[in-house]
Amino acid sequence: EVVPSKVLLNALGYTPFFIGTTINAVRAVAKDQSTAAFEARFRDAATGEIIAMAADREAEQTAIVTVRGLTWYSHAQSIIDSWSQQFVQLVNRKPGDTIKDTDTVTLLPW
């Protein structure tokens, strides 16, 4: 499941400060936050038995300035990239190792 960004509200958030503050308040009331979610079920190919299940929902990372909000699915792409990095860490981890969750804040504007 992917909830895209509201591009118009994000673009209006970059208007001069007195208007931008109003738009940011509207975004907060409208709960304008891009999210992505998945559910997975892993089966043994030989027996068909379920060996693992996973589910996750992530929201967009907060940034002071970002251009990701100016496209519909840019936040979802970064969330999916983060999941792919976590899956690689999961496959390569040693017993007892933990995998760090994604940061909620980013300094990258793209």
PDB file of N, CA and C in Angstrom:
ATOM      1  N   GLU A   1       0.849  -1.164   0.000  1.00  0.00           N
ATOM      2  CA  GLU A   1       0.000   0.000   0.000  1.00  0.00           C
ATOM      3  C   GLU A   1       0.895   1.227   0.000  1.00  0.00           C
ATOM      4  N   VAL A   2       0.593   2.161  -0.879  1.00  0.00           N
ATOM      5  CA  VAL A   2       1.370   3.395  -0.956  1.00  0.00           C
ATOM      6  C   VAL A   2       0.404   4.572  -0.926  1.00  0.00           C
ATOM      7  N   VAL A   3       0.655   5.502  -0.017  1.00  0.00           N
ATOM      8  CA  VAL A   3      -0.112   6.747   0.051  1.00  0.00           C
ATOM      9  C   VAL A   3       0.803   7.839  -0.491  1.00  0.00           C
ATOM     10  N   PRO A   4       0.474   8.417  -1.655  1.00  0.00           N
ATOM     11  CA  PRO A   4       1.367   9.407  -2.265  1.00  0.00           C
ATOM     12  C   PRO A   4       1.338  10.749  -1.540  1.00  0.00           C
ATOM     13  N   SER A   5       2.315  11.581  -1.874  1.00  0.00           N
ATOM     14  CA  SER A   5       2.376  12.940  -1.335  1.00  0.00           C
ATOM     15  C   SER A   5       1.264  13.787  -1.948  1.00  0.00           C
ATOM     16  N   LYS A   6       0.867  14.810  -1.239  1.00  0.00           N
ATOM     17  CA  LYS A   6      -0.071  15.800  -1.778  1.00  0.00           C
ATOM     18  C   LYS A   6       0.793  16.936  -2.331  1.00  0.00           C
ATOM     19  N   VAL A   7       1.096  16.836  -3.610  1.00  0.00           N
ATOM     20  CA  VAL A   7       2.069  17.714  -4.252  1.00  0.00           C
ATOM     21  C   VAL A   7       1.681  19.179  -4.137  1.00  0.00           C
ATOM     22  N   LEU A   8       0.420  19.519  -4.353  1.00  0.00           N
ATOM     23  CA  LEU A   8      -0.002  20.919  -4.313  1.00  0.00           C
ATOM     24  C   LEU A   8       0.214  21.519  -2.925  1.00  0.00           C
ATOM     25  N   LEU A   9      -0.151  20.795  -1.873  1.00  0.00           N
ATOM     26  CA  LEU A   9       0.069  21.309  -0.514  1.00  0.00           C
ATOM     27  C   LEU A   9       1.558  21.459  -0.216  1.00  0.00           C
ATOM     28  N   ASN A  10       2.358  20.512  -0.670  1.00  0.00           N
ATOM     29  CA  ASN A  10       3.806  20.610  -0.447  1.00  0.00           C
ATOM     30  C   ASN A  10       4.397  21.806  -1.185  1.00  0.00           C
ATOM     31  N   ALA A  11       3.961  22.039  -2.416  1.00  0.00           N
ATOM     32  CA  ALA A  11       4.462  23.174  -3.193  1.00  0.00           C
ATOM     33  C   ALA A  11       4.033  24.494  -2.558  1.00  0.00           C
ATOM     34  N   LEU A  12       2.790  24.559  -2.083  1.00  0.00           N
ATOM     35  CA  LEU A  12       2.322  25.793  -1.442  1.00  0.00           C
ATOM     36  C   LEU A  12       3.037  26.055  -0.121  1.00  0.00           C
ATOM     37  N   GLY A  13       3.595  25.027   0.493  1.00  0.00           N
ATOM     38  CA  GLY A  13       4.346  25.198   1.736  1.00  0.00           C
ATOM     39  C   GLY A  13       5.614  26.015   1.545  1.00  0.00           C
ATOM     40  N   TYR A  14       6.055  26.192   0.297  1.00  0.00           N
ATOM     41  CA  TYR A  14       7.252  26.985   0.016  1.00  0.00           C
ATOM     42  C   TYR A  14       6.929  28.432  -0.354  1.00  0.00           C
ATOM     43  N   THR A  15       5.681  28.844  -0.213  1.00  0.00           N
ATOM     44  CA  THR A  15       5.304  30.235  -0.467  1.00  0.00           C
ATOM     45  C   THR A  15       5.864  31.100   0.659  1.00  0.00           C
ATOM     46  N   PRO A  16       5.797  32.414   0.533  1.00  0.00           N
ATOM     47  CA  PRO A  16       6.329  33.276   1.595  1.00  0.00           C
ATOM     48  C   PRO A  16       5.825  32.865   2.979  1.00  0.00           C
ATOM     49  N   PHE A  17       6.587  33.207   3.989  1.00  0.00           N
ATOM     50  CA  PHE A  17       6.389  32.696   5.345  1.00  0.00           C
ATOM     51  C   PHE A  17       4.958  32.817   5.864  1.00  0.00           C
ATOM     52  N   PHE A  18       4.326  33.969   5.715  1.00  0.00           N
ATOM     53  CA  PHE A  18       2.989  34.151   6.303  1.00  0.00           C
ATOM     54  C   PHE A  18       1.953  33.243   5.642  1.00  0.00           C
ATOM     55  N   ILE A  19       2.096  32.955   4.360  1.00  0.00           N
ATOM     56  CA  ILE A  19       1.176  32.031   3.692  1.00  0.00           C
ATOM     57  C   ILE A  19       1.615  30.596   3.952  1.00  0.00           C
ATOM     58  N   GLY A  20       2.938  30.359   3.946  1.00  0.00           N
ATOM     59  CA  GLY A  20       3.469  29.013   4.159  1.00  0.00           C
ATOM     60  C   GLY A  20       3.080  28.448   5.516  1.00  0.00           C
ATOM     61  N   THR A  21       3.015  29.305   6.533  1.00  0.00           N
ATOM     62  CA  THR A  21       2.613  28.854   7.864  1.00  0.00           C
ATOM     63  C   THR A  21       1.181  28.344   7.842  1.00  0.00           C
ATOM     64  N   THR A  22       0.300  29.044   7.131  1.00  0.00           N
ATOM     65  CA  THR A  22      -1.093  28.618   7.005  1.00  0.00           C
ATOM     66  C   THR A  22      -1.177  27.293   6.271  1.00  0.00           C
ATOM     67  N   ILE A  23      -0.413  27.140   5.196  1.00  0.00           N
ATOM     68  CA  ILE A  23      -0.429  25.900   4.418  1.00  0.00           C
ATOM     69  C   ILE A  23       0.098  24.744   5.265  1.00  0.00           C
ATOM     70  N   ASN A  24       1.147  24.988   6.048  1.00  0.00           N
ATOM     71  CA  ASN A  24       1.678  23.922   6.907  1.00  0.00           C
ATOM     72  C   ASN A  24       0.653  23.505   7.949  1.00  0.00           C
ATOM     73  N   ALA A  25      -0.146  24.457   8.447  1.00  0.00           N
ATOM     74  CA  ALA A  25      -1.222  24.112   9.380  1.00  0.00           C
ATOM     75  C   ALA A  25      -2.287  23.276   8.682  1.00  0.00           C
ATOM     76  N   VAL A  26      -2.608  23.618   7.432  1.00  0.00           N
ATOM     77  CA  VAL A  26      -3.572  22.839   6.655  1.00  0.00           C
ATOM     78  C   VAL A  26      -3.042  21.422   6.429  1.00  0.00           C
ATOM     79  N   ARG A  27      -1.739  21.304   6.130  1.00  0.00           N
ATOM     80  CA  ARG A  27      -1.140  19.972   5.930  1.00  0.00           C
ATOM     81  C   ARG A  27      -1.241  19.141   7.201  1.00  0.00           C
ATOM     82  N   ALA A  28      -1.037  19.772   8.358  1.00  0.00           N
ATOM     83  CA  ALA A  28      -1.120  19.046   9.625  1.00  0.00           C
ATOM     84  C   ALA A  28      -2.543  18.565   9.879  1.00  0.00           C
ATOM     85  N   VAL A  29      -3.523  19.418   9.613  1.00  0.00           N
ATOM     86  CA  VAL A  29      -4.925  19.033   9.803  1.00  0.00           C
ATOM     87  C   VAL A  29      -5.327  17.952   8.803  1.00  0.00           C
ATOM     88  N   ALA A  30      -4.823  18.050   7.565  1.00  0.00           N
ATOM     89  CA  ALA A  30      -5.162  17.073   6.522  1.00  0.00           C
ATOM     90  C   ALA A  30      -4.392  15.768   6.677  1.00  0.00           C
ATOM     91  N   LYS A  31      -3.512  15.708   7.686  1.00  0.00           N
ATOM     92  CA  LYS A  31      -2.674  14.526   7.910  1.00  0.00           C
ATOM     93  C   LYS A  31      -1.943  14.146   6.619  1.00  0.00           C
ATOM     94  N   ASP A  32      -1.332  15.156   6.011  1.00  0.00           N
ATOM     95  CA  ASP A  32      -0.601  14.964   4.757  1.00  0.00           C
ATOM     96  C   ASP A  32       0.742  14.329   5.048  1.00  0.00           C
ATOM     97  N   GLN A  33       0.776  13.017   5.031  1.00  0.00           N
ATOM     98  CA  GLN A  33       2.030  12.304   5.232  1.00  0.00           C
ATOM     99  C   GLN A  33       2.040  11.101   4.298  1.00  0.00           C
ATOM    100  N   SER A  34       3.055  11.043   3.473  1.00  0.00           N
ATOM    101  CA  SER A  34       3.201   9.931   2.548  1.00  0.00           C
ATOM    102  C   SER A  34       3.650   8.695   3.322  1.00  0.00           C
ATOM    103  N   THR A  35       3.028   7.542   3.050  1.00  0.00           N
ATOM    104  CA  THR A  35       3.386   6.296   3.729  1.00  0.00           C
ATOM    105  C   THR A  35       3.463   5.153   2.727  1.00  0.00           C
ATOM    106  N   ALA A  36       4.113   4.095   3.146  1.00  0.00           N
ATOM    107  CA  ALA A  36       4.154   2.855   2.369  1.00  0.00           C
ATOM    108  C   ALA A  36       4.088   1.694   3.349  1.00  0.00           C
ATOM    109  N   ALA A  37       3.412   0.622   2.943  1.00  0.00           N
ATOM    110  CA  ALA A  37       3.261  -0.538   3.818  1.00  0.00           C
ATOM    111  C   ALA A  37       3.353  -1.818   2.983  1.00  0.00           C
ATOM    112  N   PHE A  38       3.777  -2.909   3.635  1.00  0.00           N
ATOM    113  CA  PHE A  38       3.800  -4.203   2.958  1.00  0.00           C
ATOM    114  C   PHE A  38       3.524  -5.311   3.968  1.00  0.00           C
ATOM    115  N   GLU A  39       3.083  -6.430   3.451  1.00  0.00           N
ATOM    116  CA  GLU A  39       2.939  -7.662   4.222  1.00  0.00           C
ATOM    117  C   GLU A  39       3.553  -8.768   3.380  1.00  0.00           C
ATOM    118  N   ALA A  40       4.282  -9.675   4.012  1.00  0.00           N
ATOM    119  CA  ALA A  40       4.937 -10.763   3.275  1.00  0.00           C
ATOM    120  C   ALA A  40       4.753 -12.074   4.023  1.00  0.00           C
ATOM    121  N   ARG A  41       4.648 -13.131   3.262  1.00  0.00           N
ATOM    122  CA  ARG A  41       4.559 -14.480   3.816  1.00  0.00           C
ATOM    123  C   ARG A  41       5.578 -15.334   3.062  1.00  0.00           C
ATOM    124  N   PHE A  42       6.498 -15.949   3.784  1.00  0.00           N
ATOM    125  CA  PHE A  42       7.544 -16.763   3.170  1.00  0.00           C
ATOM    126  C   PHE A  42       7.209 -18.237   3.374  1.00  0.00           C
ATOM    127  N   ARG A  43       7.243 -18.993   2.289  1.00  0.00           N
ATOM    128  CA  ARG A  43       6.905 -20.419   2.347  1.00  0.00           C
ATOM    129  C   ARG A  43       8.096 -21.271   1.939  1.00  0.00           C
ATOM    130  N   ASP A  44       8.174 -22.445   2.533  1.00  0.00           N
ATOM    131  CA  ASP A  44       9.144 -23.451   2.120  1.00  0.00           C
ATOM    132  C   ASP A  44       8.706 -23.962   0.751  1.00  0.00           C
ATOM    133  N   ALA A  45       9.593 -23.919  -0.232  1.00  0.00           N
ATOM    134  CA  ALA A  45       9.233 -24.316  -1.586  1.00  0.00           C
ATOM    135  C   ALA A  45       8.870 -25.793  -1.681  1.00  0.00           C
ATOM    136  N   ALA A  46       9.486 -26.627  -0.872  1.00  0.00           N
ATOM    137  CA  ALA A  46       9.235 -28.067  -0.949  1.00  0.00           C
ATOM    138  C   ALA A  46       7.930 -28.468  -0.268  1.00  0.00           C
ATOM    139  N   THR A  47       7.668 -27.913   0.904  1.00  0.00           N
ATOM    140  CA  THR A  47       6.494 -28.350   1.676  1.00  0.00           C
ATOM    141  C   THR A  47       5.323 -27.385   1.611  1.00  0.00           C
ATOM    142  N   GLY A  48       5.567 -26.131   1.244  1.00  0.00           N
ATOM    143  CA  GLY A  48       4.516 -25.128   1.226  1.00  0.00           C
ATOM    144  C   GLY A  48       4.208 -24.567   2.608  1.00  0.00           C
ATOM    145  N   GLU A  49       4.964 -24.986   3.616  1.00  0.00           N
ATOM    146  CA  GLU A  49       4.764 -24.528   4.987  1.00  0.00           C
ATOM    147  C   GLU A  49       5.249 -23.086   5.131  1.00  0.00           C
ATOM    148  N   ILE A  50       4.481 -22.277   5.857  1.00  0.00           N
ATOM    149  CA  ILE A  50       4.881 -20.892   6.118  1.00  0.00           C
ATOM    150  C   ILE A  50       6.025 -20.909   7.125  1.00  0.00           C
ATOM    151  N   ILE A  51       7.148 -20.298   6.727  1.00  0.00           N
ATOM    152  CA  ILE A  51       8.314 -20.293   7.614  1.00  0.00           C
ATOM    153  C   ILE A  51       8.563 -18.919   8.241  1.00  0.00           C
ATOM    154  N   ALA A  52       7.988 -17.874   7.671  1.00  0.00           N
ATOM    155  CA  ALA A  52       8.154 -16.534   8.242  1.00  0.00           C
ATOM    156  C   ALA A  52       7.080 -15.602   7.696  1.00  0.00           C
ATOM    157  N   MET A  53       6.738 -14.610   8.509  1.00  0.00           N
ATOM    158  CA  MET A  53       5.809 -13.567   8.081  1.00  0.00           C
ATOM    159  C   MET A  53       6.388 -12.218   8.513  1.00  0.00           C
ATOM    160  N   ALA A  54       6.107 -11.200   7.730  1.00  0.00           N
ATOM    161  CA  ALA A  54       6.603  -9.864   8.054  1.00  0.00           C
ATOM    162  C   ALA A  54       5.590  -8.825   7.600  1.00  0.00           C
ATOM    163  N   ALA A  55       5.551  -7.714   8.312  1.00  0.00           N
ATOM    164  CA  ALA A  55       4.704  -6.586   7.940  1.00  0.00           C
ATOM    165  C   ALA A  55       5.350  -5.313   8.466  1.00  0.00           C
ATOM    166  N   ASP A  56       5.217  -4.237   7.708  1.00  0.00           N
ATOM    167  CA  ASP A  56       5.785  -2.968   8.141  1.00  0.00           C
ATOM    168  C   ASP A  56       5.047  -1.830   7.460  1.00  0.00           C
ATOM    169  N   ARG A  57       4.971  -0.704   8.147  1.00  0.00           N
ATOM    170  CA  ARG A  57       4.450   0.547   7.591  1.00  0.00           C
ATOM    171  C   ARG A  57       5.427   1.634   7.990  1.00  0.00           C
ATOM    172  N   GLU A  58       5.862   2.392   7.015  1.00  0.00           N
ATOM    173  CA  GLU A  58       6.800   3.492   7.259  1.00  0.00           C
ATOM    174  C   GLU A  58       6.204   4.785   6.726  1.00  0.00           C
ATOM    175  N   ALA A  59       6.501   5.869   7.405  1.00  0.00           N
ATOM    176  CA  ALA A  59       6.075   7.195   6.966  1.00  0.00           C
ATOM    177  C   ALA A  59       7.282   7.944   6.413  1.00  0.00           C
ATOM    178  N   GLU A  60       7.003   8.993   5.667  1.00  0.00           N
ATOM    179  CA  GLU A  60       8.081   9.786   5.086  1.00  0.00           C
ATOM    180  C   GLU A  60       8.993  10.343   6.172  1.00  0.00           C
ATOM    181  N   GLN A  61      10.246  10.551   5.806  1.00  0.00           N
ATOM    182  CA  GLN A  61      11.196  11.143   6.733  1.00  0.00           C
ATOM    183  C   GLN A  61      10.989  12.657   6.758  1.00  0.00           C
ATOM    184  N   THR A  62      11.121  13.223   7.938  1.00  0.00           N
ATOM    185  CA  THR A  62      10.979  14.662   8.106  1.00  0.00           C
ATOM    186  C   THR A  62      12.277  15.341   7.675  1.00  0.00           C
ATOM    187  N   ALA A  63      12.141  16.459   6.984  1.00  0.00           N
ATOM    188  CA  ALA A  63      13.307  17.225   6.549  1.00  0.00           C
ATOM    189  C   ALA A  63      12.979  18.714   6.612  1.00  0.00           C
ATOM    190  N   ILE A  64      13.989  19.525   6.847  1.00  0.00           N
ATOM    191  CA  ILE A  64      13.779  20.971   6.892  1.00  0.00           C
ATOM    192  C   ILE A  64      13.400  21.471   5.507  1.00  0.00           C
ATOM    193  N   VAL A  65      14.165  21.080   4.518  1.00  0.00           N
ATOM    194  CA  VAL A  65      13.896  21.419   3.124  1.00  0.00           C
ATOM    195  C   VAL A  65      14.006  20.140   2.319  1.00  0.00           C
ATOM    196  N   THR A  66      13.011  19.875   1.486  1.00  0.00           N
ATOM    197  CA  THR A  66      13.047  18.672   0.670  1.00  0.00           C
ATOM    198  C   THR A  66      12.314  18.895  -0.647  1.00  0.00           C
ATOM    199  N   VAL A  67      12.796  18.272  -1.688  1.00  0.00           N
ATOM    200  CA  VAL A  67      12.103  18.326  -2.977  1.00  0.00           C
ATOM    201  C   VAL A  67      11.303  17.040  -3.207  1.00  0.00           C
ATOM    202  N   ARG A  68      11.410  16.082  -2.292  1.00  0.00           N
ATOM    203  CA  ARG A  68      10.667  14.836  -2.449  1.00  0.00           C
ATOM    204  C   ARG A  68       9.160  15.053  -2.469  1.00  0.00           C
ATOM    205  N   GLY A  69       8.686  16.037  -1.714  1.00  0.00           N
ATOM    206  CA  GLY A  69       7.255  16.292  -1.646  1.00  0.00           C
ATOM    207  C   GLY A  69       6.677  16.891  -2.908  1.00  0.00           C
ATOM    208  N   LEU A  70       7.520  17.237  -3.869  1.00  0.00           N
ATOM    209  CA  LEU A  70       7.046  17.832  -5.110  1.00  0.00           C
ATOM    210  C   LEU A  70       6.726  16.798  -6.175  1.00  0.00           C
ATOM    211  N   THR A  71       6.904  15.526  -5.869  1.00  0.00           N
ATOM    212  CA  THR A  71       6.476  14.438  -6.756  1.00  0.00           C
ATOM    213  C   THR A  71       5.605  13.491  -5.941  1.00  0.00           C
ATOM    214  N   TRP A  72       4.764  12.749  -6.625  1.00  0.00           N
ATOM    215  CA  TRP A  72       3.778  11.925  -5.942  1.00  0.00           C
ATOM    216  C   TRP A  72       4.393  10.793  -5.130  1.00  0.00           C
ATOM    217  N   TYR A  73       5.359  10.081  -5.688  1.00  0.00           N
ATOM    218  CA  TYR A  73       5.825   8.840  -5.073  1.00  0.00           C
ATOM    219  C   TYR A  73       7.293   8.853  -4.661  1.00  0.00           C
ATOM    220  N   SER A  74       7.908  10.007  -4.575  1.00  0.00           N
ATOM    221  CA  SER A  74       9.317  10.079  -4.222  1.00  0.00           C
ATOM    222  C   SER A  74       9.577   9.572  -2.805  1.00  0.00           C
ATOM    223  N   HIS A  75       8.681   9.875  -1.869  1.00  0.00           N
ATOM    224  CA  HIS A  75       8.840   9.380  -0.500  1.00  0.00           C
ATOM    225  C   HIS A  75       8.753   7.859  -0.476  1.00  0.00           C
ATOM    226  N   ALA A  76       7.840   7.298  -1.243  1.00  0.00           N
ATOM    227  CA  ALA A  76       7.688   5.835  -1.276  1.00  0.00           C
ATOM    228  C   ALA A  76       8.958   5.174  -1.804  1.00  0.00           C
ATOM    229  N   GLN A  77       9.595   5.782  -2.782  1.00  0.00           N
ATOM    230  CA  GLN A  77      10.835   5.220  -3.319  1.00  0.00           C
ATOM    231  C   GLN A  77      11.922   5.175  -2.251  1.00  0.00           C
ATOM    232  N   SER A  78      12.031   6.226  -1.446  1.00  0.00           N
ATOM    233  CA  SER A  78      13.063   6.219  -0.398  1.00  0.00           C
ATOM    234  C   SER A  78      12.716   5.214   0.694  1.00  0.00           C
ATOM    235  N   ILE A  79      11.433   5.022   0.994  1.00  0.00           N
ATOM    236  CA  ILE A  79      11.020   4.021   1.986  1.00  0.00           C
ATOM    237  C   ILE A  79      11.361   2.620   1.490  1.00  0.00           C
ATOM    238  N   ILE A  80      11.075   2.342   0.234  1.00  0.00           N
ATOM    239  CA  ILE A  80      11.358   1.025  -0.343  1.00  0.00           C
ATOM    240  C   ILE A  80      12.861   0.783  -0.410  1.00  0.00           C
ATOM    241  N   ASP A  81      13.644   1.815  -0.720  1.00  0.00           N
ATOM    242  CA  ASP A  81      15.107   1.688  -0.690  1.00  0.00           C
ATOM    243  C   ASP A  81      15.584   1.330   0.708  1.00  0.00           C
ATOM    244  N   SER A  82      14.998   1.956   1.711  1.00  0.00           N
ATOM    245  CA  SER A  82      15.362   1.658   3.096  1.00  0.00           C
ATOM    246  C   SER A  82      15.030   0.207   3.444  1.00  0.00           C
ATOM    247  N   TRP A  83      13.849  -0.267   3.029  1.00  0.00           N
ATOM    248  CA  TRP A  83      13.489  -1.667   3.273  1.00  0.00           C
ATOM    249  C   TRP A  83      14.474  -2.621   2.606  1.00  0.00           C
ATOM    250  N   SER A  84      14.878  -2.304   1.375  1.00  0.00           N
ATOM    251  CA  SER A  84      15.801  -3.199   0.671  1.00  0.00           C
ATOM    252  C   SER A  84      17.141  -3.272   1.402  1.00  0.00           C
ATOM    253  N   GLN A  85      17.613  -2.160   1.935  1.00  0.00           N
ATOM    254  CA  GLN A  85      18.855  -2.171   2.710  1.00  0.00           C
ATOM    255  C   GLN A  85      18.691  -2.995   3.987  1.00  0.00           C
ATOM    256  N   GLN A  86      17.524  -2.892   4.621  1.00  0.00           N
ATOM    257  CA  GLN A  86      17.271  -3.664   5.833  1.00  0.00           C
ATOM    258  C   GLN A  86      17.184  -5.164   5.527  1.00  0.00           C
ATOM    259  N   PHE A  87      16.595  -5.541   4.379  1.00  0.00           N
ATOM    260  CA  PHE A  87      16.527  -6.954   4.011  1.00  0.00           C
ATOM    261  C   PHE A  87      17.922  -7.531   3.751  1.00  0.00           C
ATOM    262  N   VAL A  88      18.797  -6.745   3.135  1.00  0.00           N
ATOM    263  CA  VAL A  88      20.171  -7.195   2.914  1.00  0.00           C
ATOM    264  C   VAL A  88      20.869  -7.406   4.256  1.00  0.00           C
ATOM    265  N   GLN A  89      20.677  -6.477   5.186  1.00  0.00           N
ATOM    266  CA  GLN A  89      21.260  -6.629   6.515  1.00  0.00           C
ATOM    267  C   GLN A  89      20.684  -7.849   7.232  1.00  0.00           C
ATOM    268  N   LEU A  90      19.402  -8.103   7.049  1.00  0.00           N
ATOM    269  CA  LEU A  90      18.753  -9.253   7.670  1.00  0.00           C
ATOM    270  C   LEU A  90      19.350 -10.563   7.175  1.00  0.00           C
ATOM    271  N   VAL A  91      19.554 -10.665   5.882  1.00  0.00           N
ATOM    272  CA  VAL A  91      20.109 -11.892   5.304  1.00  0.00           C
ATOM    273  C   VAL A  91      21.556 -12.098   5.723  1.00  0.00           C
ATOM    274  N   ASN A  92      22.303 -11.019   5.880  1.00  0.00           N
ATOM    275  CA  ASN A  92      23.731 -11.118   6.190  1.00  0.00           C
ATOM    276  C   ASN A  92      24.058 -11.028   7.681  1.00  0.00           C
ATOM    277  N   ARG A  93      23.066 -10.943   8.530  1.00  0.00           N
ATOM    278  CA  ARG A  93      23.336 -10.739   9.959  1.00  0.00           C
ATOM    279  C   ARG A  93      23.809 -12.023  10.632  1.00  0.00           C
ATOM    280  N   LYS A  94      24.527 -11.847  11.723  1.00  0.00           N
ATOM    281  CA  LYS A  94      24.963 -12.960  12.561  1.00  0.00           C
ATOM    282  C   LYS A  94      23.911 -13.184  13.634  1.00  0.00           C
ATOM    283  N   PRO A  95      23.793 -14.377  14.178  1.00  0.00           N
ATOM    284  CA  PRO A  95      22.819 -14.609  15.248  1.00  0.00           C
ATOM    285  C   PRO A  95      23.035 -13.626  16.408  1.00  0.00           C
ATOM    286  N   GLY A  96      21.946 -13.018  16.850  1.00  0.00           N
ATOM    287  CA  GLY A  96      22.019 -12.059  17.952  1.00  0.00           C
ATOM    288  C   GLY A  96      22.165 -10.618  17.512  1.00  0.00           C
ATOM    289  N   ASP A  97      22.533 -10.374  16.246  1.00  0.00           N
ATOM    290  CA  ASP A  97      22.648  -9.001  15.754  1.00  0.00           C
ATOM    291  C   ASP A  97      21.256  -8.403  15.569  1.00  0.00           C
ATOM    292  N   THR A  98      21.164  -7.106  15.791  1.00  0.00           N
ATOM    293  CA  THR A  98      19.907  -6.406  15.542  1.00  0.00           C
ATOM    294  C   THR A  98      20.089  -5.465  14.358  1.00  0.00           C
ATOM    295  N   ILE A  99      18.985  -5.200  13.704  1.00  0.00           N
ATOM    296  CA  ILE A  99      19.003  -4.326  12.535  1.00  0.00           C
ATOM    297  C   ILE A  99      18.404  -2.987  12.941  1.00  0.00           C
ATOM    298  N   LYS A 100      19.131  -1.913  12.661  1.00  0.00           N
ATOM    299  CA  LYS A 100      18.719  -0.564  13.047  1.00  0.00           C
ATOM    300  C   LYS A 100      17.522  -0.132  12.202  1.00  0.00           C
ATOM    301  N   ASP A 101      16.545   0.485  12.854  1.00  0.00           N
ATOM    302  CA  ASP A 101      15.381   1.000  12.152  1.00  0.00           C
ATOM    303  C   ASP A 101      15.751   2.269  11.392  1.00  0.00           C
ATOM    304  N   THR A 102      14.943   2.636  10.434  1.00  0.00           N
ATOM    305  CA  THR A 102      15.169   3.822   9.634  1.00  0.00           C
ATOM    306  C   THR A 102      15.006   5.078  10.484  1.00  0.00           C
ATOM    307  N   ASP A 103      15.884   6.063  10.281  1.00  0.00           N
ATOM    308  CA  ASP A 103      15.770   7.334  10.992  1.00  0.00           C
ATOM    309  C   ASP A 103      14.503   8.066  10.550  1.00  0.00           C
ATOM    310  N   THR A 104      13.909   8.842  11.451  1.00  0.00           N
ATOM    311  CA  THR A 104      12.699   9.589  11.107  1.00  0.00           C
ATOM    312  C   THR A 104      13.010  10.966  10.534  1.00  0.00           C
ATOM    313  N   VAL A 105      14.265  11.390  10.640  1.00  0.00           N
ATOM    314  CA  VAL A 105      14.684  12.694  10.144  1.00  0.00           C
ATOM    315  C   VAL A 105      15.823  12.497   9.154  1.00  0.00           C
ATOM    316  N   THR A 106      15.817  13.287   8.095  1.00  0.00           N
ATOM    317  CA  THR A 106      16.905  13.246   7.120  1.00  0.00           C
ATOM    318  C   THR A 106      17.350  14.670   6.798  1.00  0.00           C
ATOM    319  N   LEU A 107      18.608  14.799   6.417  1.00  0.00           N
ATOM    320  CA  LEU A 107      19.125  16.098   5.999  1.00  0.00           C
ATOM    321  C   LEU A 107      19.277  16.175   4.482  1.00  0.00           C
ATOM    322  N   LEU A 108      19.008  15.073   3.787  1.00  0.00           N
ATOM    323  CA  LEU A 108      19.104  15.061   2.328  1.00  0.00           C
ATOM    324  C   LEU A 108      17.839  15.665   1.714  1.00  0.00           C
ATOM    325  N   PRO A 109      17.963  16.679   0.872  1.00  0.00           N
ATOM    326  CA  PRO A 109      16.771  17.303   0.292  1.00  0.00           C
ATOM    327  C   PRO A 109      16.186  16.552  -0.896  1.00  0.00           C
ATOM    328  N   TRP A 110      16.850  15.517  -1.413  1.00  0.00           N
ATOM    329  CA  TRP A 110      16.370  14.787  -2.577  1.00  0.00           C
ATOM    330  C   TRP A 110      16.083  13.349  -2.252  1.00  0.00           C
TER     331      TRP A 110
END
